[in-house]
Full PDB file with SEQRES, HELIX, SHEET, SSBOND, CRYST1, ORIGX, SCALE, CONECT and MASTER records, all heavy atoms in Angstrom:
SEQRES   1 A   32  SER TYR LEU ARG ARG MET VAL SER ALA GLY PHE LEU GLU          
SEQRES   2 A   32  GLN ASP GLY ARG GLU TYR ARG ALA ALA SER GLN LYS THR          
SEQRES   3 A   32  GLU ARG LEU TYR ARG LEU                                      
HELIX    1 AA1 TYR A    2  SER A    8  1                                   7    
SHEET    1 AA1 2 GLU A  13  ARG A  20  0                                        
SHEET    2 AA1 2 LYS A  25  ARG A  31 -1                                        
CRYST1    1.000    1.000    1.000  90.00  90.00  90.00 P 1           1          
ORIGX1      1.000000  0.000000  0.000000        0.00000                         
ORIGX2      0.000000  1.000000  0.000000        0.00000                         
ORIGX3      0.000000  0.000000  1.000000        0.00000                         
SCALE1      1.000000  0.000000  0.000000        0.00000                         
SCALE2      0.000000  1.000000  0.000000        0.00000                         
SCALE3      0.000000  0.000000  1.000000        0.00000                         
ATOM      1  N   SER A   1    -204.719 -22.853 -52.589  1.00  0.00           N  
ATOM      2  CA  SER A   1    -203.985 -23.871 -53.342  1.00  0.00           C  
ATOM      3  C   SER A   1    -204.689 -25.218 -53.249  1.00  0.00           C  
ATOM      4  O   SER A   1    -204.803 -25.950 -54.242  1.00  0.00           O  
ATOM      5  CB  SER A   1    -202.559 -23.987 -52.812  1.00  0.00           C  
ATOM      6  OG  SER A   1    -201.868 -25.059 -53.424  1.00  0.00           O  
ATOM      7  N   TYR A   2    -205.181 -25.536 -52.058  1.00  0.00           N  
ATOM      8  CA  TYR A   2    -205.885 -26.808 -51.868  1.00  0.00           C  
ATOM      9  C   TYR A   2    -207.154 -26.855 -52.716  1.00  0.00           C  
ATOM     10  O   TYR A   2    -207.456 -27.865 -53.362  1.00  0.00           O  
ATOM     11  CB  TYR A   2    -206.223 -26.990 -50.387  1.00  0.00           C  
ATOM     12  CG  TYR A   2    -206.863 -28.314 -50.070  1.00  0.00           C  
ATOM     13  CD1 TYR A   2    -206.116 -29.491 -50.087  1.00  0.00           C  
ATOM     14  CD2 TYR A   2    -208.217 -28.405 -49.756  1.00  0.00           C  
ATOM     15  CE1 TYR A   2    -206.694 -30.715 -49.796  1.00  0.00           C  
ATOM     16  CE2 TYR A   2    -208.796 -29.620 -49.454  1.00  0.00           C  
ATOM     17  CZ  TYR A   2    -208.039 -30.769 -49.479  1.00  0.00           C  
ATOM     18  OH  TYR A   2    -208.613 -31.986 -49.197  1.00  0.00           O  
ATOM     19  N   LEU A   3    -207.890 -25.755 -52.745  1.00  0.00           N  
ATOM     20  CA  LEU A   3    -209.116 -25.701 -53.542  1.00  0.00           C  
ATOM     21  C   LEU A   3    -208.817 -25.846 -55.038  1.00  0.00           C  
ATOM     22  O   LEU A   3    -209.549 -26.543 -55.754  1.00  0.00           O  
ATOM     23  CB  LEU A   3    -209.851 -24.386 -53.277  1.00  0.00           C  
ATOM     24  CG  LEU A   3    -210.493 -24.248 -51.891  1.00  0.00           C  
ATOM     25  CD1 LEU A   3    -211.001 -22.821 -51.678  1.00  0.00           C  
ATOM     26  CD2 LEU A   3    -211.621 -25.249 -51.712  1.00  0.00           C  
ATOM     27  N   ARG A   4    -207.744 -25.221 -55.504  1.00  0.00           N  
ATOM     28  CA  ARG A   4    -207.375 -25.351 -56.918  1.00  0.00           C  
ATOM     29  C   ARG A   4    -207.064 -26.804 -57.267  1.00  0.00           C  
ATOM     30  O   ARG A   4    -207.470 -27.305 -58.325  1.00  0.00           O  
ATOM     31  CB  ARG A   4    -206.160 -24.461 -57.234  1.00  0.00           C  
ATOM     32  CG  ARG A   4    -206.473 -22.984 -57.335  1.00  0.00           C  
ATOM     33  CD  ARG A   4    -205.334 -22.228 -57.986  1.00  0.00           C  
ATOM     34  NE  ARG A   4    -204.104 -22.307 -57.204  1.00  0.00           N  
ATOM     35  CZ  ARG A   4    -203.777 -21.446 -56.237  1.00  0.00           C  
ATOM     36  NH1 ARG A   4    -204.588 -20.446 -55.928  1.00  0.00           N  
ATOM     37  NH2 ARG A   4    -202.641 -21.577 -55.589  1.00  0.00           N  
ATOM     38  N   ARG A   5    -206.350 -27.486 -56.390  1.00  0.00           N  
ATOM     39  CA  ARG A   5    -206.016 -28.884 -56.644  1.00  0.00           C  
ATOM     40  C   ARG A   5    -207.254 -29.770 -56.604  1.00  0.00           C  
ATOM     41  O   ARG A   5    -207.378 -30.729 -57.371  1.00  0.00           O  
ATOM     42  CB  ARG A   5    -204.982 -29.368 -55.626  1.00  0.00           C  
ATOM     43  CG  ARG A   5    -203.565 -28.848 -55.901  1.00  0.00           C  
ATOM     44  CD  ARG A   5    -202.584 -29.337 -54.872  1.00  0.00           C  
ATOM     45  NE  ARG A   5    -202.702 -28.613 -53.618  1.00  0.00           N  
ATOM     46  CZ  ARG A   5    -202.321 -29.095 -52.436  1.00  0.00           C  
ATOM     47  NH1 ARG A   5    -201.833 -30.309 -52.339  1.00  0.00           N  
ATOM     48  NH2 ARG A   5    -202.443 -28.359 -51.345  1.00  0.00           N  
ATOM     49  N   MET A   6    -208.192 -29.416 -55.724  1.00  0.00           N  
ATOM     50  CA  MET A   6    -209.436 -30.186 -55.643  1.00  0.00           C  
ATOM     51  C   MET A   6    -210.245 -30.040 -56.928  1.00  0.00           C  
ATOM     52  O   MET A   6    -210.872 -30.995 -57.388  1.00  0.00           O  
ATOM     53  CB  MET A   6    -210.272 -29.710 -54.452  1.00  0.00           C  
ATOM     54  CG  MET A   6    -209.658 -30.024 -53.102  1.00  0.00           C  
ATOM     55  SD  MET A   6    -209.766 -31.775 -52.733  1.00  0.00           S  
ATOM     56  CE  MET A   6    -211.475 -31.912 -52.290  1.00  0.00           C  
ATOM     57  N   VAL A   7    -210.227 -28.835 -57.487  1.00  0.00           N  
ATOM     58  CA  VAL A   7    -210.927 -28.609 -58.764  1.00  0.00           C  
ATOM     59  C   VAL A   7    -210.240 -29.389 -59.873  1.00  0.00           C  
ATOM     60  O   VAL A   7    -210.889 -30.067 -60.684  1.00  0.00           O  
ATOM     61  CB  VAL A   7    -210.976 -27.101 -59.097  1.00  0.00           C  
ATOM     62  CG1 VAL A   7    -211.494 -26.885 -60.512  1.00  0.00           C  
ATOM     63  CG2 VAL A   7    -211.866 -26.359 -58.098  1.00  0.00           C  
ATOM     64  N   SER A   8    -208.906 -29.312 -59.937  1.00  0.00           N  
ATOM     65  CA  SER A   8    -208.144 -30.015 -60.969  1.00  0.00           C  
ATOM     66  C   SER A   8    -208.344 -31.523 -60.895  1.00  0.00           C  
ATOM     67  O   SER A   8    -208.373 -32.219 -61.913  1.00  0.00           O  
ATOM     68  CB  SER A   8    -206.648 -29.693 -60.837  1.00  0.00           C  
ATOM     69  OG  SER A   8    -206.399 -28.319 -61.046  1.00  0.00           O  
ATOM     70  N   ALA A   9    -208.484 -32.037 -59.663  1.00  0.00           N  
ATOM     71  CA  ALA A   9    -208.644 -33.481 -59.465  1.00  0.00           C  
ATOM     72  C   ALA A   9    -210.083 -33.945 -59.659  1.00  0.00           C  
ATOM     73  O   ALA A   9    -210.358 -35.144 -59.616  1.00  0.00           O  
ATOM     74  CB  ALA A   9    -208.165 -33.876 -58.069  1.00  0.00           C  
ATOM     75  N   GLY A  10    -211.021 -32.994 -59.850  1.00  0.00           N  
ATOM     76  CA  GLY A  10    -212.404 -33.356 -60.128  1.00  0.00           C  
ATOM     77  C   GLY A  10    -213.279 -33.573 -58.913  1.00  0.00           C  
ATOM     78  O   GLY A  10    -214.390 -34.094 -59.030  1.00  0.00           O  
ATOM     79  N   PHE A  11    -212.812 -33.143 -57.723  1.00  0.00           N  
ATOM     80  CA  PHE A  11    -213.632 -33.299 -56.521  1.00  0.00           C  
ATOM     81  C   PHE A  11    -214.529 -32.087 -56.285  1.00  0.00           C  
ATOM     82  O   PHE A  11    -215.553 -32.188 -55.614  1.00  0.00           O  
ATOM     83  CB  PHE A  11    -212.737 -33.518 -55.292  1.00  0.00           C  
ATOM     84  CG  PHE A  11    -212.071 -34.858 -55.278  1.00  0.00           C  
ATOM     85  CD1 PHE A  11    -210.818 -35.024 -55.833  1.00  0.00           C  
ATOM     86  CD2 PHE A  11    -212.706 -35.958 -54.729  1.00  0.00           C  
ATOM     87  CE1 PHE A  11    -210.190 -36.259 -55.831  1.00  0.00           C  
ATOM     88  CE2 PHE A  11    -212.095 -37.200 -54.726  1.00  0.00           C  
ATOM     89  CZ  PHE A  11    -210.834 -37.354 -55.283  1.00  0.00           C  
ATOM     90  N   LEU A  12    -214.134 -30.938 -56.830  1.00  0.00           N  
ATOM     91  CA  LEU A  12    -214.916 -29.710 -56.698  1.00  0.00           C  
ATOM     92  C   LEU A  12    -215.125 -29.082 -58.068  1.00  0.00           C  
ATOM     93  O   LEU A  12    -214.377 -29.355 -59.008  1.00  0.00           O  
ATOM     94  CB  LEU A  12    -214.195 -28.692 -55.807  1.00  0.00           C  
ATOM     95  CG  LEU A  12    -213.906 -29.028 -54.356  1.00  0.00           C  
ATOM     96  CD1 LEU A  12    -213.178 -27.857 -53.703  1.00  0.00           C  
ATOM     97  CD2 LEU A  12    -215.167 -29.363 -53.599  1.00  0.00           C  
ATOM     98  N   GLU A  13    -216.148 -28.228 -58.146  1.00  0.00           N  
ATOM     99  CA  GLU A  13    -216.333 -27.408 -59.333  1.00  0.00           C  
ATOM    100  C   GLU A  13    -216.629 -25.981 -58.893  1.00  0.00           C  
ATOM    101  O   GLU A  13    -217.227 -25.753 -57.827  1.00  0.00           O  
ATOM    102  CB  GLU A  13    -217.483 -27.937 -60.195  1.00  0.00           C  
ATOM    103  CG  GLU A  13    -218.843 -27.919 -59.520  1.00  0.00           C  
ATOM    104  CD  GLU A  13    -219.927 -28.471 -60.421  1.00  0.00           C  
ATOM    105  OE1 GLU A  13    -219.623 -28.790 -61.579  1.00  0.00           O  
ATOM    106  OE2 GLU A  13    -221.086 -28.582 -59.946  1.00  0.00           O  
ATOM    107  N   GLN A  14    -216.173 -25.023 -59.676  1.00  0.00           N  
ATOM    108  CA  GLN A  14    -216.470 -23.632 -59.393  1.00  0.00           C  
ATOM    109  C   GLN A  14    -217.906 -23.338 -59.808  1.00  0.00           C  
ATOM    110  O   GLN A  14    -218.374 -23.814 -60.832  1.00  0.00           O  
ATOM    111  CB  GLN A  14    -215.492 -22.733 -60.133  1.00  0.00           C  
ATOM    112  CG  GLN A  14    -214.051 -22.938 -59.712  1.00  0.00           C  
ATOM    113  CD  GLN A  14    -213.084 -22.079 -60.483  1.00  0.00           C  
ATOM    114  OE1 GLN A  14    -213.485 -21.149 -61.188  1.00  0.00           O  
ATOM    115  NE2 GLN A  14    -211.790 -22.372 -60.366  1.00  0.00           N  
ATOM    116  N   ASP A  15    -218.591 -22.541 -58.973  1.00  0.00           N  
ATOM    117  CA  ASP A  15    -220.012 -22.301 -59.228  1.00  0.00           C  
ATOM    118  C   ASP A  15    -220.389 -20.880 -58.846  1.00  0.00           C  
ATOM    119  O   ASP A  15    -221.063 -20.630 -57.855  1.00  0.00           O  
ATOM    120  CB  ASP A  15    -220.849 -23.313 -58.441  1.00  0.00           C  
ATOM    121  CG  ASP A  15    -222.328 -23.261 -58.817  1.00  0.00           C  
ATOM    122  OD1 ASP A  15    -222.668 -22.582 -59.801  1.00  0.00           O  
ATOM    123  OD2 ASP A  15    -223.146 -23.893 -58.115  1.00  0.00           O  
ATOM    124  N   GLY A  16    -219.905 -19.928 -59.634  1.00  0.00           N  
ATOM    125  CA  GLY A  16    -220.295 -18.533 -59.438  1.00  0.00           C  
ATOM    126  C   GLY A  16    -219.474 -17.816 -58.394  1.00  0.00           C  
ATOM    127  O   GLY A  16    -218.480 -18.324 -57.866  1.00  0.00           O  
ATOM    128  N   ARG A  17    -219.935 -16.594 -58.083  1.00  0.00           N  
ATOM    129  CA  ARG A  17    -219.261 -15.748 -57.098  1.00  0.00           C  
ATOM    130  C   ARG A  17    -220.317 -15.096 -56.225  1.00  0.00           C  
ATOM    131  O   ARG A  17    -221.457 -14.902 -56.645  1.00  0.00           O  
ATOM    132  CB  ARG A  17    -218.391 -14.680 -57.777  1.00  0.00           C  
ATOM    133  CG  ARG A  17    -217.333 -15.237 -58.718  1.00  0.00           C  
ATOM    134  CD  ARG A  17    -216.583 -14.129 -59.429  1.00  0.00           C  
ATOM    135  NE  ARG A  17    -215.693 -13.412 -58.523  1.00  0.00           N  
ATOM    136  CZ  ARG A  17    -214.423 -13.757 -58.309  1.00  0.00           C  
ATOM    137  NH1 ARG A  17    -213.909 -14.798 -58.937  1.00  0.00           N  
ATOM    138  NH2 ARG A  17    -213.664 -13.062 -57.500  1.00  0.00           N  
ATOM    139  N   GLU A  18    -219.922 -14.734 -55.007  1.00  0.00           N  
ATOM    140  CA  GLU A  18    -220.879 -14.143 -54.069  1.00  0.00           C  
ATOM    141  C   GLU A  18    -220.124 -13.352 -53.007  1.00  0.00           C  
ATOM    142  O   GLU A  18    -219.002 -13.701 -52.630  1.00  0.00           O  
ATOM    143  CB  GLU A  18    -221.705 -15.258 -53.410  1.00  0.00           C  
ATOM    144  CG  GLU A  18    -222.920 -14.779 -52.640  1.00  0.00           C  
ATOM    145  CD  GLU A  18    -223.775 -15.950 -52.170  1.00  0.00           C  
ATOM    146  OE1 GLU A  18    -224.614 -16.427 -52.952  1.00  0.00           O  
ATOM    147  OE2 GLU A  18    -223.571 -16.394 -51.022  1.00  0.00           O  
ATOM    148  N   TYR A  19    -220.752 -12.287 -52.512  1.00  0.00           N  
ATOM    149  CA  TYR A  19    -220.135 -11.478 -51.462  1.00  0.00           C  
ATOM    150  C   TYR A  19    -220.146 -12.240 -50.147  1.00  0.00           C  
ATOM    151  O   TYR A  19    -221.135 -12.871 -49.778  1.00  0.00           O  
ATOM    152  CB  TYR A  19    -220.884 -10.155 -51.293  1.00  0.00           C  
ATOM    153  CG  TYR A  19    -220.311  -9.276 -50.205  1.00  0.00           C  
ATOM    154  CD1 TYR A  19    -219.192  -8.483 -50.454  1.00  0.00           C  
ATOM    155  CD2 TYR A  19    -220.889  -9.258 -48.940  1.00  0.00           C  
ATOM    156  CE1 TYR A  19    -218.655  -7.677 -49.455  1.00  0.00           C  
ATOM    157  CE2 TYR A  19    -220.368  -8.455 -47.932  1.00  0.00           C  
ATOM    158  CZ  TYR A  19    -219.242  -7.673 -48.191  1.00  0.00           C  
ATOM    159  OH  TYR A  19    -218.721  -6.889 -47.197  1.00  0.00           O  
ATOM    160  N   ARG A  20    -219.022 -12.204 -49.436  1.00  0.00           N  
ATOM    161  CA  ARG A  20    -218.900 -12.851 -48.138  1.00  0.00           C  
ATOM    162  C   ARG A  20    -218.509 -11.815 -47.097  1.00  0.00           C  
ATOM    163  O   ARG A  20    -217.507 -11.106 -47.234  1.00  0.00           O  
ATOM    164  CB  ARG A  20    -217.843 -13.960 -48.180  1.00  0.00           C  
ATOM    165  CG  ARG A  20    -218.308 -15.236 -48.901  1.00  0.00           C  
ATOM    166  CD  ARG A  20    -219.413 -15.909 -48.085  1.00  0.00           C  
ATOM    167  NE  ARG A  20    -219.693 -17.267 -48.496  1.00  0.00           N  
ATOM    168  CZ  ARG A  20    -220.679 -17.632 -49.282  1.00  0.00           C  
ATOM    169  NH1 ARG A  20    -221.474 -16.685 -49.813  1.00  0.00           N  
ATOM    170  NH2 ARG A  20    -220.914 -18.896 -49.566  1.00  0.00           N  
ATOM    171  N   ALA A  21    -219.300 -11.725 -46.027  1.00  0.00           N  
ATOM    172  CA  ALA A  21    -219.045 -10.728 -44.981  1.00  0.00           C  
ATOM    173  C   ALA A  21    -217.727 -11.007 -44.264  1.00  0.00           C  
ATOM    174  O   ALA A  21    -217.040 -10.072 -43.824  1.00  0.00           O  
ATOM    175  CB  ALA A  21    -220.199 -10.728 -43.985  1.00  0.00           C  
ATOM    176  N   ALA A  22    -217.371 -12.262 -44.123  1.00  0.00           N  
ATOM    177  CA  ALA A  22    -216.155 -12.614 -43.385  1.00  0.00           C  
ATOM    178  C   ALA A  22    -214.919 -12.008 -44.020  1.00  0.00           C  
ATOM    179  O   ALA A  22    -214.007 -11.532 -43.330  1.00  0.00           O  
ATOM    180  CB  ALA A  22    -216.009 -14.132 -43.312  1.00  0.00           C  
ATOM    181  N   SER A  23    -214.868 -12.018 -45.353  1.00  0.00           N  
ATOM    182  CA  SER A  23    -213.711 -11.459 -46.057  1.00  0.00           C  
ATOM    183  C   SER A  23    -213.980 -10.057 -46.589  1.00  0.00           C  
ATOM    184  O   SER A  23    -213.071  -9.381 -47.053  1.00  0.00           O  
ATOM    185  CB  SER A  23    -213.320 -12.372 -47.225  1.00  0.00           C  
ATOM    186  OG  SER A  23    -214.402 -12.467 -48.160  1.00  0.00           O  
ATOM    187  N   GLN A  24    -215.259  -9.635 -46.533  1.00  0.00           N  
ATOM    188  CA  GLN A  24    -215.694  -8.326 -47.035  1.00  0.00           C  
ATOM    189  C   GLN A  24    -215.339  -8.139 -48.510  1.00  0.00           C  
ATOM    190  O   GLN A  24    -214.906  -7.064 -48.940  1.00  0.00           O  
ATOM    191  CB  GLN A  24    -215.093  -7.193 -46.188  1.00  0.00           C  
ATOM    192  CG  GLN A  24    -215.566  -7.216 -44.740  1.00  0.00           C  
ATOM    193  CD  GLN A  24    -215.084  -6.010 -43.953  1.00  0.00           C  
ATOM    194  OE1 GLN A  24    -214.105  -5.372 -44.299  1.00  0.00           O  
ATOM    195  NE2 GLN A  24    -215.800  -5.682 -42.892  1.00  0.00           N  
ATOM    196  N   LYS A  25    -215.532  -9.217 -49.264  1.00  0.00           N  
ATOM    197  CA  LYS A  25    -215.300  -9.132 -50.702  1.00  0.00           C  
ATOM    198  C   LYS A  25    -216.080 -10.231 -51.411  1.00  0.00           C  
ATOM    199  O   LYS A  25    -216.586 -11.169 -50.780  1.00  0.00           O  
ATOM    200  CB  LYS A  25    -213.808  -9.246 -51.028  1.00  0.00           C  
ATOM    201  CG  LYS A  25    -213.199 -10.564 -50.644  1.00  0.00           C  
ATOM    202  CD  LYS A  25    -211.705 -10.578 -50.979  1.00  0.00           C  
ATOM    203  CE  LYS A  25    -211.073 -11.914 -50.628  1.00  0.00           C  
ATOM    204  NZ  LYS A  25    -209.618 -11.928 -50.924  1.00  0.00           N  
ATOM    205  N   THR A  26    -216.193 -10.091 -52.718  1.00  0.00           N  
ATOM    206  CA  THR A  26    -216.862 -11.105 -53.521  1.00  0.00           C  
ATOM    207  C   THR A  26    -215.885 -12.248 -53.774  1.00  0.00           C  
ATOM    208  O   THR A  26    -214.759 -12.025 -54.221  1.00  0.00           O  
ATOM    209  CB  THR A  26    -217.335 -10.514 -54.860  1.00  0.00           C  
ATOM    210  OG1 THR A  26    -218.265  -9.453 -54.585  1.00  0.00           O  
ATOM    211  CG2 THR A  26    -218.026 -11.578 -55.704  1.00  0.00           C  
ATOM    212  N   GLU A  27    -216.326 -13.458 -53.458  1.00  0.00           N  
ATOM    213  CA  GLU A  27    -215.446 -14.616 -53.564  1.00  0.00           C  
ATOM    214  C   GLU A  27    -215.980 -15.647 -54.550  1.00  0.00           C  
ATOM    215  O   GLU A  27    -217.192 -15.721 -54.814  1.00  0.00           O  
ATOM    216  CB  GLU A  27    -215.301 -15.304 -52.199  1.00  0.00           C  
ATOM    217  CG  GLU A  27    -214.590 -14.507 -51.150  1.00  0.00           C  
ATOM    218  CD  GLU A  27    -214.376 -15.341 -49.898  1.00  0.00           C  
ATOM    219  OE1 GLU A  27    -213.822 -16.460 -50.011  1.00  0.00           O  
ATOM    220  OE2 GLU A  27    -214.787 -14.894 -48.816  1.00  0.00           O  
ATOM    221  N   ARG A  28    -215.091 -16.460 -55.046  1.00  0.00           N  
ATOM    222  CA  ARG A  28    -215.463 -17.595 -55.893  1.00  0.00           C  
ATOM    223  C   ARG A  28    -216.121 -18.661 -55.021  1.00  0.00           C  
ATOM    224  O   ARG A  28    -215.680 -18.923 -53.897  1.00  0.00           O  
ATOM    225  CB  ARG A  28    -214.223 -18.165 -56.589  1.00  0.00           C  
ATOM    226  CG  ARG A  28    -214.508 -19.317 -57.520  1.00  0.00           C  
ATOM    227  CD  ARG A  28    -213.250 -19.760 -58.246  1.00  0.00           C  
ATOM    228  NE  ARG A  28    -212.856 -18.779 -59.247  1.00  0.00           N  
ATOM    229  CZ  ARG A  28    -211.753 -18.052 -59.184  1.00  0.00           C  
ATOM    230  NH1 ARG A  28    -210.936 -18.170 -58.149  1.00  0.00           N  
ATOM    231  NH2 ARG A  28    -211.463 -17.183 -60.143  1.00  0.00           N  
ATOM    232  N   LEU A  29    -217.202 -19.262 -55.517  1.00  0.00           N  
ATOM    233  CA  LEU A  29    -217.903 -20.309 -54.785  1.00  0.00           C  
ATOM    234  C   LEU A  29    -217.599 -21.675 -55.397  1.00  0.00           C  
ATOM    235  O   LEU A  29    -217.318 -21.792 -56.591  1.00  0.00           O  
ATOM    236  CB  LEU A  29    -219.410 -20.065 -54.810  1.00  0.00           C  
ATOM    237  CG  LEU A  29    -219.897 -18.756 -54.182  1.00  0.00           C  
ATOM    238  CD1 LEU A  29    -221.411 -18.676 -54.270  1.00  0.00           C  
ATOM    239  CD2 LEU A  29    -219.443 -18.635 -52.729  1.00  0.00           C  
ATOM    240  N   TYR A  30    -217.672 -22.684 -54.554  1.00  0.00           N  
ATOM    241  CA  TYR A  30    -217.376 -24.052 -54.978  1.00  0.00           C  
ATOM    242  C   TYR A  30    -218.522 -24.974 -54.591  1.00  0.00           C  
ATOM    243  O   TYR A  30    -219.280 -24.702 -53.661  1.00  0.00           O  
ATOM    244  CB  TYR A  30    -216.086 -24.548 -54.316  1.00  0.00           C  
ATOM    245  CG  TYR A  30    -214.874 -23.729 -54.660  1.00  0.00           C  
ATOM    246  CD1 TYR A  30    -214.543 -22.594 -53.910  1.00  0.00           C  
ATOM    247  CD2 TYR A  30    -214.069 -24.067 -55.741  1.00  0.00           C  
ATOM    248  CE1 TYR A  30    -213.429 -21.829 -54.223  1.00  0.00           C  
ATOM    249  CE2 TYR A  30    -212.941 -23.306 -56.058  1.00  0.00           C  
ATOM    250  CZ  TYR A  30    -212.636 -22.192 -55.293  1.00  0.00           C  
ATOM    251  OH  TYR A  30    -211.537 -21.430 -55.609  1.00  0.00           O  
ATOM    252  N   ARG A  31    -218.612 -26.082 -55.320  1.00  0.00           N  
ATOM    253  CA  ARG A  31    -219.610 -27.097 -55.033  1.00  0.00           C  
ATOM    254  C   ARG A  31    -218.941 -28.480 -55.139  1.00  0.00           C  
ATOM    255  O   ARG A  31    -218.094 -28.709 -56.000  1.00  0.00           O  
ATOM    256  CB  ARG A  31    -220.779 -27.005 -56.020  1.00  0.00           C  
ATOM    257  CG  ARG A  31    -222.005 -27.791 -55.582  1.00  0.00           C  
ATOM    258  CD  ARG A  31    -223.067 -27.799 -56.690  1.00  0.00           C  
ATOM    259  NE  ARG A  31    -223.507 -26.472 -57.067  1.00  0.00           N  
ATOM    260  CZ  ARG A  31    -224.502 -25.814 -56.464  1.00  0.00           C  
ATOM    261  NH1 ARG A  31    -225.133 -26.386 -55.452  1.00  0.00           N  
ATOM    262  NH2 ARG A  31    -224.869 -24.627 -56.897  1.00  0.00           N  
ATOM    263  N   LEU A  32    -219.335 -29.378 -54.257  1.00  0.00           N  
ATOM    264  CA  LEU A  32    -218.780 -30.730 -54.264  1.00  0.00           C  
ATOM    265  C   LEU A  32    -219.272 -31.527 -55.468  1.00  0.00           C  
ATOM    266  O   LEU A  32    -220.457 -31.511 -55.786  1.00  0.00           O  
ATOM    267  CB  LEU A  32    -219.194 -31.472 -52.987  1.00  0.00           C  
ATOM    268  CG  LEU A  32    -218.252 -31.423 -51.782  1.00  0.00           C  
ATOM    269  CD1 LEU A  32    -218.942 -32.050 -50.576  1.00  0.00           C  
ATOM    270  CD2 LEU A  32    -216.942 -32.122 -52.070  1.00  0.00           C  
TER     271      LEU A  32                                                      
MASTER        0    0    0    1    2    0    0    6  270    1    0    3          
END                                                                             
């Protein structure tokens, strides 16, 4: 929820997806 609000407020942008071992799944990536 925090990440979604950060994107909406213009502090973050979504930038692709990538596999993460910690969650063992492909996740959305963000950039400042």
